[in-house]
Amino acid sequence: MKEKILMAEDEAELAKALKTILEFSDYDVTNVYNGKDALEKTQQENFDLIILDVMMPVMDGIEALKKMRSSGVNTPVMLLTAKSQVEDKVDGLDAGANDYLTKPFNRKELLARVRALLRINEEKKEQFSIGNIIFNKESSQLSNAKTNLHLNHKECEIMEMLLKNQNRTITAKELNKKVWENDSEDETAVSMYMSYLQDKFKALDANISISKDNGYILETIL
């Protein structure tokens, strides 16, 4: 599966060129053109890397980054800017950036820095984030910026399945097969464990919820 990059750059021609370079290197790139749209995108889906231009309309890159970090987004972030002063770099790094690239830059350097930042994800591959919540499969913990809650084995299995199938409805039969290893369509146990997870979301003041229609889906509450 291709690694997903969110790129916020308001200069249309540069954004197009960077998208071409990154897609040629086999990355899946989503372009937005201001910090507000970038922030909203991170609340709707997960990315492996975020590239933010500092100077953008509506909301600048540093402000967007601060809001991302405060909402629990821990995706590696690289800032792009035409500025070169030390103070600007310090502001960006203090806001939560992992790297900082000053324009104009070399294509090879850009790709090398992208590869370096994507390696960060290898160190936390057992960790998933959505909204302001982080799920760590290895430690069986669901957490926000302040509190950790322990999940039992079946809660972990369900949580991982929901996270890996975001934007897709999962049926009770699928959940029964994965978590309880049977082909039943009975929703009794599934519904009970979904309720347990919902209670934990509330305890963490999470901006996510499990919706039910013909199945179950994990959604961000905007």
C-alpha atoms as a PDB file:
ATOM      1  CA  MET A   1       0.000   0.000   0.000  1.00  0.00           C
ATOM      2  CA  LYS A   2       1.319   3.440  -0.918  1.00  0.00           C
ATOM      3  CA  GLU A   3       2.276   5.790   1.895  1.00  0.00           C
ATOM      4  CA  LYS A   4      -0.096   8.744   2.103  1.00  0.00           C
ATOM      5  CA  ILE A   5       1.155  12.328   2.151  1.00  0.00           C
ATOM      6  CA  LEU A   6      -0.968  15.407   2.833  1.00  0.00           C
ATOM      7  CA  MET A   7       0.577  18.514   1.274  1.00  0.00           C
ATOM      8  CA  ALA A   8      -0.648  22.035   1.999  1.00  0.00           C
ATOM      9  CA  GLU A   9       0.912  24.567  -0.381  1.00  0.00           C
ATOM     10  CA  ASP A  10      -0.936  27.640  -1.644  1.00  0.00           C
ATOM     11  CA  GLU A  11       1.255  28.238  -4.719  1.00  0.00           C
ATOM     12  CA  ALA A  12      -0.628  26.181  -7.292  1.00  0.00           C
ATOM     13  CA  GLU A  13       2.272  25.610  -9.689  1.00  0.00           C
ATOM     14  CA  LEU A  14       4.643  24.560  -6.908  1.00  0.00           C
ATOM     15  CA  ALA A  15       1.978  22.314  -5.398  1.00  0.00           C
ATOM     16  CA  LYS A  16       1.484  20.639  -8.772  1.00  0.00           C
ATOM     17  CA  ALA A  17       5.239  20.160  -9.248  1.00  0.00           C
ATOM     18  CA  LEU A  18       5.723  18.694  -5.771  1.00  0.00           C
ATOM     19  CA  LYS A  19       2.777  16.354  -6.243  1.00  0.00           C
ATOM     20  CA  THR A  20       4.309  15.109  -9.497  1.00  0.00           C
ATOM     21  CA  ILE A  21       7.706  14.524  -7.860  1.00  0.00           C
ATOM     22  CA  LEU A  22       6.206  12.652  -4.914  1.00  0.00           C
ATOM     23  CA  GLU A  23       3.803  10.576  -6.979  1.00  0.00           C
ATOM     24  CA  PHE A  24       6.668   9.609  -9.315  1.00  0.00           C
ATOM     25  CA  SER A  25       8.369   8.238  -6.185  1.00  0.00           C
ATOM     26  CA  ASP A  26       5.237   6.122  -5.551  1.00  0.00           C
ATOM     27  CA  TYR A  27       3.578   8.158  -2.795  1.00  0.00           C
ATOM     28  CA  ASP A  28      -0.164   8.837  -2.613  1.00  0.00           C
ATOM     29  CA  VAL A  29      -0.454  12.655  -2.401  1.00  0.00           C
ATOM     30  CA  THR A  30      -3.448  14.754  -1.366  1.00  0.00           C
ATOM     31  CA  ASN A  31      -3.153  18.488  -2.103  1.00  0.00           C
ATOM     32  CA  VAL A  32      -4.860  21.284  -0.160  1.00  0.00           C
ATOM     33  CA  TYR A  33      -4.145  24.999  -0.419  1.00  0.00           C
ATOM     34  CA  ASN A  34      -4.507  26.467   3.070  1.00  0.00           C
ATOM     35  CA  GLY A  35      -3.961  25.483   6.694  1.00  0.00           C
ATOM     36  CA  LYS A  36      -7.648  25.240   7.547  1.00  0.00           C
ATOM     37  CA  ASP A  37      -8.285  22.637   4.859  1.00  0.00           C
ATOM     38  CA  ALA A  38      -5.171  20.749   5.954  1.00  0.00           C
ATOM     39  CA  LEU A  39      -6.429  20.678   9.545  1.00  0.00           C
ATOM     40  CA  GLU A  40      -9.846  19.417   8.462  1.00  0.00           C
ATOM     41  CA  LYS A  41      -8.277  16.694   6.317  1.00  0.00           C
ATOM     42  CA  THR A  42      -6.321  15.353   9.294  1.00  0.00           C
ATOM     43  CA  GLN A  43      -9.586  15.012  11.220  1.00  0.00           C
ATOM     44  CA  GLN A  44     -11.160  13.013   8.387  1.00  0.00           C
ATOM     45  CA  GLU A  45      -8.426  10.533   7.496  1.00  0.00           C
ATOM     46  CA  ASN A  46      -4.970   9.353   8.483  1.00  0.00           C
ATOM     47  CA  PHE A  47      -1.758  10.259   6.668  1.00  0.00           C
ATOM     48  CA  ASP A  48       1.801   8.947   6.934  1.00  0.00           C
ATOM     49  CA  LEU A  49       3.341  12.413   6.459  1.00  0.00           C
ATOM     50  CA  ILE A  50       2.128  16.008   6.392  1.00  0.00           C
ATOM     51  CA  ILE A  51       3.952  18.739   4.462  1.00  0.00           C
ATOM     52  CA  LEU A  52       2.889  22.284   5.370  1.00  0.00           C
ATOM     53  CA  ASP A  53       3.891  25.563   3.786  1.00  0.00           C
ATOM     54  CA  VAL A  54       4.269  28.181   6.521  1.00  0.00           C
ATOM     55  CA  MET A  55       2.805  31.183   4.695  1.00  0.00           C
ATOM     56  CA  MET A  56      -0.726  30.287   3.548  1.00  0.00           C
ATOM     57  CA  PRO A  57      -4.094  32.078   3.409  1.00  0.00           C
ATOM     58  CA  VAL A  58      -7.002  31.411   5.813  1.00  0.00           C
ATOM     59  CA  MET A  59      -4.718  29.701   8.342  1.00  0.00           C
ATOM     60  CA  ASP A  60      -0.914  29.586   8.192  1.00  0.00           C
ATOM     61  CA  GLY A  61       1.073  26.395   8.496  1.00  0.00           C
ATOM     62  CA  ILE A  62       2.327  26.913  12.037  1.00  0.00           C
ATOM     63  CA  GLU A  63      -1.155  27.684  13.380  1.00  0.00           C
ATOM     64  CA  ALA A  64      -2.546  24.631  11.579  1.00  0.00           C
ATOM     65  CA  LEU A  65       0.239  22.507  13.034  1.00  0.00           C
ATOM     66  CA  LYS A  66      -0.453  23.727  16.569  1.00  0.00           C
ATOM     67  CA  LYS A  67      -4.125  22.816  16.190  1.00  0.00           C
ATOM     68  CA  MET A  68      -3.238  19.414  14.747  1.00  0.00           C
ATOM     69  CA  ARG A  69      -0.974  18.596  17.678  1.00  0.00           C
ATOM     70  CA  SER A  70      -3.505  19.829  20.245  1.00  0.00           C
ATOM     71  CA  SER A  71      -6.161  17.591  18.660  1.00  0.00           C
ATOM     72  CA  GLY A  72      -3.928  14.538  18.988  1.00  0.00           C
ATOM     73  CA  VAL A  73      -2.501  14.278  15.458  1.00  0.00           C
ATOM     74  CA  ASN A  74       1.013  12.856  15.881  1.00  0.00           C
ATOM     75  CA  THR A  75       1.832  12.326  12.192  1.00  0.00           C
ATOM     76  CA  PRO A  76       5.364  13.451  11.187  1.00  0.00           C
ATOM     77  CA  VAL A  77       5.286  17.006   9.807  1.00  0.00           C
ATOM     78  CA  MET A  78       7.703  18.875   7.551  1.00  0.00           C
ATOM     79  CA  LEU A  79       7.369  22.643   7.159  1.00  0.00           C
ATOM     80  CA  LEU A  80       8.192  24.452   3.905  1.00  0.00           C
ATOM     81  CA  THR A  81       8.974  28.153   3.865  1.00  0.00           C
ATOM     82  CA  ALA A  82      10.791  30.841   1.951  1.00  0.00           C
ATOM     83  CA  LYS A  83      11.971  32.213   5.275  1.00  0.00           C
ATOM     84  CA  SER A  84      15.442  31.309   6.501  1.00  0.00           C
ATOM     85  CA  GLN A  85      15.760  33.110   9.828  1.00  0.00           C
ATOM     86  CA  VAL A  86      16.592  30.960  12.848  1.00  0.00           C
ATOM     87  CA  GLU A  87      13.579  32.363  14.746  1.00  0.00           C
ATOM     88  CA  ASP A  88      11.151  31.046  12.130  1.00  0.00           C
ATOM     89  CA  LYS A  89      12.675  27.596  12.329  1.00  0.00           C
ATOM     90  CA  VAL A  90      12.479  27.637  16.113  1.00  0.00           C
ATOM     91  CA  ASP A  91       8.800  28.653  15.991  1.00  0.00           C
ATOM     92  CA  GLY A  92       8.029  25.785  13.642  1.00  0.00           C
ATOM     93  CA  LEU A  93       9.895  23.175  15.641  1.00  0.00           C
ATOM     94  CA  ASP A  94       8.357  24.406  18.887  1.00  0.00           C
ATOM     95  CA  ALA A  95       4.910  24.069  17.306  1.00  0.00           C
ATOM     96  CA  GLY A  96       5.586  20.365  16.757  1.00  0.00           C
ATOM     97  CA  ALA A  97       7.304  20.096  13.368  1.00  0.00           C
ATOM     98  CA  ASN A  98       9.703  17.193  12.841  1.00  0.00           C
ATOM     99  CA  ASP A  99      11.678  18.861  10.066  1.00  0.00           C
ATOM    100  CA  TYR A 100      12.021  22.179   8.269  1.00  0.00           C
ATOM    101  CA  LEU A 101      12.949  22.748   4.615  1.00  0.00           C
ATOM    102  CA  THR A 102      13.715  26.206   3.257  1.00  0.00           C
ATOM    103  CA  LYS A 103      12.765  27.185  -0.313  1.00  0.00           C
ATOM    104  CA  PRO A 104      14.240  26.862  -2.844  1.00  0.00           C
ATOM    105  CA  PHE A 105      15.277  23.266  -2.225  1.00  0.00           C
ATOM    106  CA  ASN A 106      16.696  20.397  -4.236  1.00  0.00           C
ATOM    107  CA  ARG A 107      14.400  17.558  -5.331  1.00  0.00           C
ATOM    108  CA  LYS A 108      16.795  14.921  -3.988  1.00  0.00           C
ATOM    109  CA  GLU A 109      16.963  16.637  -0.601  1.00  0.00           C
ATOM    110  CA  LEU A 110      13.166  16.821  -0.434  1.00  0.00           C
ATOM    111  CA  LEU A 111      12.815  13.102  -1.134  1.00  0.00           C
ATOM    112  CA  ALA A 112      15.574  12.204   1.330  1.00  0.00           C
ATOM    113  CA  ARG A 113      13.851  14.176   4.079  1.00  0.00           C
ATOM    114  CA  VAL A 114      10.505  12.596   3.199  1.00  0.00           C
ATOM    115  CA  ARG A 115      12.047   9.111   3.504  1.00  0.00           C
ATOM    116  CA  ALA A 116      13.637  10.033   6.833  1.00  0.00           C
ATOM    117  CA  LEU A 117      10.348  11.295   8.266  1.00  0.00           C
ATOM    118  CA  LEU A 118       8.428   8.262   7.034  1.00  0.00           C
ATOM    119  CA  ARG A 119      10.861   6.050   8.952  1.00  0.00           C
ATOM    120  CA  ILE A 120       9.440   7.563  12.137  1.00  0.00           C
ATOM    121  CA  ASN A 121       6.242   5.650  11.402  1.00  0.00           C
ATOM    122  CA  GLU A 122       8.151   2.367  11.490  1.00  0.00           C
ATOM    123  CA  GLU A 123       8.950   3.037  15.131  1.00  0.00           C
ATOM    124  CA  LYS A 124       5.268   3.394  16.002  1.00  0.00           C
ATOM    125  CA  LYS A 125       3.647   0.979  13.540  1.00  0.00           C
ATOM    126  CA  GLU A 126       1.608  -0.532  16.355  1.00  0.00           C
ATOM    127  CA  GLN A 127       0.092   2.891  17.040  1.00  0.00           C
ATOM    128  CA  PHE A 128      -2.961   4.379  15.333  1.00  0.00           C
ATOM    129  CA  SER A 129      -4.478   7.826  15.684  1.00  0.00           C
ATOM    130  CA  ILE A 130      -7.891   9.251  14.878  1.00  0.00           C
ATOM    131  CA  GLY A 131      -9.217  12.612  15.973  1.00  0.00           C
ATOM    132  CA  ASN A 132      -7.766  13.395  19.395  1.00  0.00           C
ATOM    133  CA  ILE A 133      -7.306   9.733  20.317  1.00  0.00           C
ATOM    134  CA  ILE A 134      -4.325   7.374  19.989  1.00  0.00           C
ATOM    135  CA  PHE A 135      -4.638   3.587  20.099  1.00  0.00           C
ATOM    136  CA  ASN A 136      -1.470   1.646  20.936  1.00  0.00           C
ATOM    137  CA  LYS A 137      -1.967  -2.005  20.083  1.00  0.00           C
ATOM    138  CA  GLU A 138       1.252  -3.140  21.748  1.00  0.00           C
ATOM    139  CA  SER A 139       0.361  -1.647  25.147  1.00  0.00           C
ATOM    140  CA  SER A 140      -3.434  -2.166  24.691  1.00  0.00           C
ATOM    141  CA  GLN A 141      -4.021   1.481  25.536  1.00  0.00           C
ATOM    142  CA  LEU A 142      -6.442   4.092  24.290  1.00  0.00           C
ATOM    143  CA  SER A 143      -5.319   7.603  25.165  1.00  0.00           C
ATOM    144  CA  ASN A 144      -5.701  11.328  24.706  1.00  0.00           C
ATOM    145  CA  ALA A 145      -3.114  13.963  25.555  1.00  0.00           C
ATOM    146  CA  LYS A 146      -3.682  13.506  29.303  1.00  0.00           C
ATOM    147  CA  THR A 147      -5.145  10.082  30.086  1.00  0.00           C
ATOM    148  CA  ASN A 148      -4.594   6.409  29.206  1.00  0.00           C
ATOM    149  CA  LEU A 149      -7.228   3.676  29.416  1.00  0.00           C
ATOM    150  CA  HIS A 150      -6.510  -0.054  29.154  1.00  0.00           C
ATOM    151  CA  LEU A 151      -8.448  -2.171  26.644  1.00  0.00           C
ATOM    152  CA  ASN A 152      -9.023  -5.884  27.037  1.00  0.00           C
ATOM    153  CA  HIS A 153      -8.099  -8.279  24.228  1.00  0.00           C
ATOM    154  CA  LYS A 154     -11.444  -8.236  22.414  1.00  0.00           C
ATOM    155  CA  GLU A 155     -11.723  -4.432  22.681  1.00  0.00           C
ATOM    156  CA  CYS A 156      -8.257  -4.185  21.109  1.00  0.00           C
ATOM    157  CA  GLU A 157      -9.246  -6.499  18.255  1.00  0.00           C
ATOM    158  CA  ILE A 158     -12.377  -4.476  17.547  1.00  0.00           C
ATOM    159  CA  MET A 159     -10.585  -1.135  17.822  1.00  0.00           C
ATOM    160  CA  GLU A 160      -7.861  -2.229  15.409  1.00  0.00           C
ATOM    161  CA  MET A 161     -10.442  -3.481  12.925  1.00  0.00           C
ATOM    162  CA  LEU A 162     -12.396  -0.226  13.087  1.00  0.00           C
ATOM    163  CA  LEU A 163      -9.245   1.838  12.599  1.00  0.00           C
ATOM    164  CA  LYS A 164      -7.990  -0.236   9.675  1.00  0.00           C
ATOM    165  CA  ASN A 165     -11.376   0.063   7.967  1.00  0.00           C
ATOM    166  CA  GLN A 166     -12.124   3.741   8.462  1.00  0.00           C
ATOM    167  CA  ASN A 167     -14.803   5.104   6.111  1.00  0.00           C
ATOM    168  CA  ARG A 168     -16.148   1.569   5.592  1.00  0.00           C
ATOM    169  CA  THR A 169     -19.031  -0.095   7.415  1.00  0.00           C
ATOM    170  CA  ILE A 170     -18.056  -3.390   9.103  1.00  0.00           C
ATOM    171  CA  THR A 171     -20.777  -5.997   9.580  1.00  0.00           C
ATOM    172  CA  ALA A 172     -21.421  -7.970  12.755  1.00  0.00           C
ATOM    173  CA  LYS A 173     -20.532 -11.126  10.812  1.00  0.00           C
ATOM    174  CA  GLU A 174     -17.092  -9.714   9.924  1.00  0.00           C
ATOM    175  CA  LEU A 175     -16.485  -8.740  13.539  1.00  0.00           C
ATOM    176  CA  ASN A 176     -17.636 -12.124  14.835  1.00  0.00           C
ATOM    177  CA  LYS A 177     -15.297 -13.907  12.429  1.00  0.00           C
ATOM    178  CA  LYS A 178     -12.297 -11.740  13.353  1.00  0.00           C
ATOM    179  CA  VAL A 179     -12.829 -11.371  17.109  1.00  0.00           C
ATOM    180  CA  TRP A 180     -14.824 -14.447  18.125  1.00  0.00           C
ATOM    181  CA  GLU A 181     -13.723 -16.741  15.266  1.00  0.00           C
ATOM    182  CA  ASN A 182     -17.209 -17.760  14.190  1.00  0.00           C
ATOM    183  CA  ASP A 183     -19.515 -16.976  11.271  1.00  0.00           C
ATOM    184  CA  SER A 184     -22.477 -15.846  13.334  1.00  0.00           C
ATOM    185  CA  GLU A 185     -24.474 -12.774  12.372  1.00  0.00           C
ATOM    186  CA  ASP A 186     -25.696 -12.369  15.954  1.00  0.00           C
ATOM    187  CA  GLU A 187     -24.948  -8.861  17.241  1.00  0.00           C
ATOM    188  CA  THR A 188     -25.335  -9.435  20.992  1.00  0.00           C
ATOM    189  CA  ALA A 189     -21.644  -9.653  21.888  1.00  0.00           C
ATOM    190  CA  VAL A 190     -20.620  -7.154  19.194  1.00  0.00           C
ATOM    191  CA  SER A 191     -23.112  -4.559  20.410  1.00  0.00           C
ATOM    192  CA  MET A 192     -22.010  -5.026  24.008  1.00  0.00           C
ATOM    193  CA  TYR A 193     -18.336  -4.453  23.196  1.00  0.00           C
ATOM    194  CA  MET A 194     -19.132  -1.476  20.997  1.00  0.00           C
ATOM    195  CA  SER A 195     -20.896   0.001  24.027  1.00  0.00           C
ATOM    196  CA  TYR A 196     -17.788  -0.626  26.141  1.00  0.00           C
ATOM    197  CA  LEU A 197     -15.664   1.264  23.595  1.00  0.00           C
ATOM    198  CA  GLN A 198     -18.151   4.131  23.394  1.00  0.00           C
ATOM    199  CA  ASP A 199     -17.953   4.484  27.191  1.00  0.00           C
ATOM    200  CA  LYS A 200     -14.178   4.715  26.975  1.00  0.00           C
ATOM    201  CA  PHE A 201     -14.420   7.349  24.237  1.00  0.00           C
ATOM    202  CA  LYS A 202     -16.654   9.414  26.508  1.00  0.00           C
ATOM    203  CA  ALA A 203     -14.266   8.994  29.441  1.00  0.00           C
ATOM    204  CA  LEU A 204     -11.447  10.348  27.259  1.00  0.00           C
ATOM    205  CA  ASP A 205     -13.603  13.192  25.900  1.00  0.00           C
ATOM    206  CA  ALA A 206     -12.861  11.791  22.434  1.00  0.00           C
ATOM    207  CA  ASN A 207     -14.059  13.452  19.255  1.00  0.00           C
ATOM    208  CA  ILE A 208     -14.759  10.053  17.696  1.00  0.00           C
ATOM    209  CA  SER A 209     -17.801   7.801  17.817  1.00  0.00           C
ATOM    210  CA  ILE A 210     -19.009   4.439  16.518  1.00  0.00           C
ATOM    211  CA  SER A 211     -22.059   4.777  14.291  1.00  0.00           C
ATOM    212  CA  LYS A 212     -24.390   1.886  13.533  1.00  0.00           C
ATOM    213  CA  ASP A 213     -26.551   1.352  10.473  1.00  0.00           C
ATOM    214  CA  ASN A 214     -26.164  -1.912   8.583  1.00  0.00           C
ATOM    215  CA  GLY A 215     -22.928  -2.393  10.450  1.00  0.00           C
ATOM    216  CA  TYR A 216     -20.422  -0.344  12.417  1.00  0.00           C
ATOM    217  CA  ILE A 217     -18.142   2.521  11.401  1.00  0.00           C
ATOM    218  CA  LEU A 218     -15.691   4.689  13.348  1.00  0.00           C
ATOM    219  CA  GLU A 219     -16.169   8.389  12.638  1.00  0.00           C
ATOM    220  CA  THR A 220     -14.638  11.694  13.693  1.00  0.00           C
ATOM    221  CA  ILE A 221     -17.010  14.219  15.252  1.00  0.00           C
ATOM    222  CA  LEU A 222     -16.251  17.657  13.760  1.00  0.00           C
END
